[in-house]
Every structure is written in C-alpha cells, then in structure tokens.
Amino acid sequence: LPGNHNDCTAFADSGIDAACGDATVIADGAYRGTGLLIPHRRQAGQERLPRWKEEHNASHRRVRARVEHVFARMKNWKILRDCRLKGDGVFWATSGVAHMHNLALAG
C-alpha cells in the first residue's frame, strides 16, 4: 500500500485484519473503531480512569513497548533499512534477519 494511507485503512486494505482472524490484537489509539484492543481514554469531564482501566492501560503499555523495541532494533539492521522489497519479499527478508538475530543471541 502507498505510505499515505492512515493506519486503519492500511490495516483493512492490506488483509492483515483478515489474517489475524479471532486473535487478540493490541494497537494504539489510531485504530479506534476497528475492534482491536486499544488503551482506555478518559471521557470528557472525567478526572481519572477507574483503577481497572488504569491497570489495563499499564499492561497494554508494557506489551506495546516490547513490540516497539523490536521494530526499533529491526530498523538498525541495514539490510531492512534499505529494503525495497514488496509483498512476500518483505516477509522473507524480515523472517530471515529475525532468525539470524535469534541464532546470534543463542550463541
């Protein structure tokens, strides 16, 4: 997809939503209305969220932080930073680099 699509449109048009099926998928607030698990927000005039929503948001932040760190690390890999592949090529390049990285970590 061209880079000028908003996240919700790209999520639907790319087929990723269909590929996820019934899996629980977490996302940020940009995916509001998609059925994905997004952080709770205060309502207008609401001073603070209920405790259970704050706890849910804290859990959500921890999981998302791990995923964001993975993406940040992948951007340091020159082979992916300069990647101009399309379709399955991106999947195979990313999978290959991830496997090599895991092998390196395993020693």
Protein backbone atom coordinates (compact mmCIF):
# COMPACT_ATOMS: atom_id res chain seq x y z
CA LEU A 1 0.00 0.00 0.00
CA PRO A 2 1.19 3.55 -0.58
CA GLY A 3 2.53 5.25 2.53
CA ASN A 4 -0.16 7.92 2.54
CA HIS A 5 -2.92 5.67 3.95
CA ASN A 6 -4.00 6.09 7.54
CA ASP A 7 -3.34 3.14 9.83
CA CYS A 8 -6.94 1.88 9.94
CA THR A 9 -7.26 1.89 6.16
CA ALA A 10 -3.93 0.12 5.68
CA PHE A 11 -4.88 -2.46 8.31
CA ALA A 12 -8.11 -3.31 6.49
CA ASP A 13 -6.92 -2.97 2.88
CA SER A 14 -3.73 -5.00 3.36
CA GLY A 15 -5.65 -8.04 4.59
CA ILE A 16 -3.85 -8.06 7.92
CA ASP A 17 -7.17 -7.81 9.75
CA ALA A 18 -8.41 -10.95 8.00
CA ALA A 19 -5.12 -12.76 8.64
CA CYS A 20 -5.41 -12.03 12.37
CA GLY A 21 -8.78 -13.79 12.48
CA ASP A 22 -10.04 -14.10 16.04
CA ALA A 23 -6.65 -13.39 17.64
CA THR A 24 -6.44 -10.64 20.22
CA VAL A 25 -4.55 -7.77 18.61
CA ILE A 26 -3.39 -4.77 20.59
CA ALA A 27 -2.94 -1.38 18.98
CA ASP A 28 -2.68 2.30 19.76
CA GLY A 29 -5.46 4.88 19.68
CA ALA A 30 -5.11 5.30 15.91
CA TYR A 31 -7.08 2.06 15.48
CA ARG A 32 -10.21 3.25 17.31
CA GLY A 33 -13.34 1.61 15.91
CA THR A 34 -11.54 -1.40 14.40
CA GLY A 35 -12.32 -3.85 17.20
CA LEU A 36 -8.66 -4.05 18.21
CA LEU A 37 -7.62 -3.77 21.84
CA ILE A 38 -6.67 -0.12 22.40
CA PRO A 39 -5.93 1.89 25.55
CA HIS A 40 -8.81 3.31 27.57
CA ARG A 41 -9.26 7.09 27.47
CA ARG A 42 -10.96 9.42 29.88
CA GLN A 43 -14.37 10.70 28.86
CA ALA A 44 -14.85 14.45 28.52
CA GLY A 45 -15.01 15.91 32.02
CA GLN A 46 -13.80 12.70 33.66
CA GLU A 47 -10.95 13.45 36.07
CA ARG A 48 -9.37 10.00 36.02
CA LEU A 49 -9.93 6.47 34.79
CA PRO A 50 -11.21 3.74 37.10
CA ARG A 51 -8.42 1.66 38.64
CA TRP A 52 -9.12 -1.41 36.48
CA LYS A 53 -8.78 0.69 33.32
CA GLU A 54 -5.51 2.21 34.58
CA GLU A 55 -4.20 -1.31 35.26
CA HIS A 56 -5.30 -2.44 31.82
CA ASN A 57 -3.53 0.53 30.22
CA ALA A 58 -0.34 -0.25 32.18
CA SER A 59 -0.37 -3.83 30.91
CA HIS A 60 -1.08 -2.58 27.40
CA ARG A 61 1.90 -0.17 27.58
CA ARG A 62 4.28 -2.93 28.69
CA VAL A 63 3.33 -5.21 25.80
CA ARG A 64 3.40 -2.42 23.21
CA ALA A 65 6.80 -1.24 24.47
CA ARG A 66 8.29 -4.67 23.79
CA VAL A 67 6.88 -4.69 20.27
CA GLU A 68 8.10 -1.13 19.60
CA HIS A 69 11.58 -2.11 20.80
CA VAL A 70 11.61 -4.97 18.29
CA PHE A 71 10.70 -2.58 15.47
CA ALA A 72 13.37 -0.12 16.61
CA ARG A 73 16.01 -2.84 16.66
CA MET A 74 14.99 -4.04 13.19
CA LYS A 75 15.44 -0.51 11.84
CA ASN A 76 19.11 -0.72 12.87
CA TRP A 77 19.65 -3.64 10.51
CA LYS A 78 20.93 -2.11 7.29
CA ILE A 79 19.50 -4.91 5.15
CA LEU A 80 15.99 -3.98 6.30
CA ARG A 81 16.54 -0.22 6.49
CA ASP A 82 17.39 -0.18 2.78
CA CYS A 83 14.82 -2.85 1.90
CA ARG A 84 12.77 -2.02 -1.18
CA LEU A 85 11.07 -5.39 -1.50
CA LYS A 86 7.33 -5.74 -1.96
CA GLY A 87 4.81 -8.33 -0.87
CA ASP A 88 6.25 -11.66 0.26
CA GLY A 89 9.80 -10.35 -0.19
CA VAL A 90 9.45 -8.19 2.92
CA PHE A 91 8.15 -11.16 4.89
CA TRP A 92 11.02 -13.42 3.85
CA ALA A 93 13.70 -10.76 4.40
CA THR A 94 12.32 -9.91 7.84
CA SER A 95 11.95 -13.58 8.80
CA GLY A 96 15.48 -14.37 7.67
CA VAL A 97 17.01 -11.49 9.60
CA ALA A 98 14.96 -12.34 12.70
CA HIS A 99 16.12 -15.97 12.54
CA MET A 100 19.75 -14.89 12.16
CA HIS A 101 19.38 -12.50 15.09
CA ASN A 102 17.91 -15.26 17.27
CA LEU A 103 20.76 -17.59 16.30
CA ALA A 104 23.27 -14.91 17.27
CA LEU A 105 21.55 -14.43 20.64
CA ALA A 106 21.56 -18.19 21.26
CA GLY A 107 25.35 -18.20 20.82
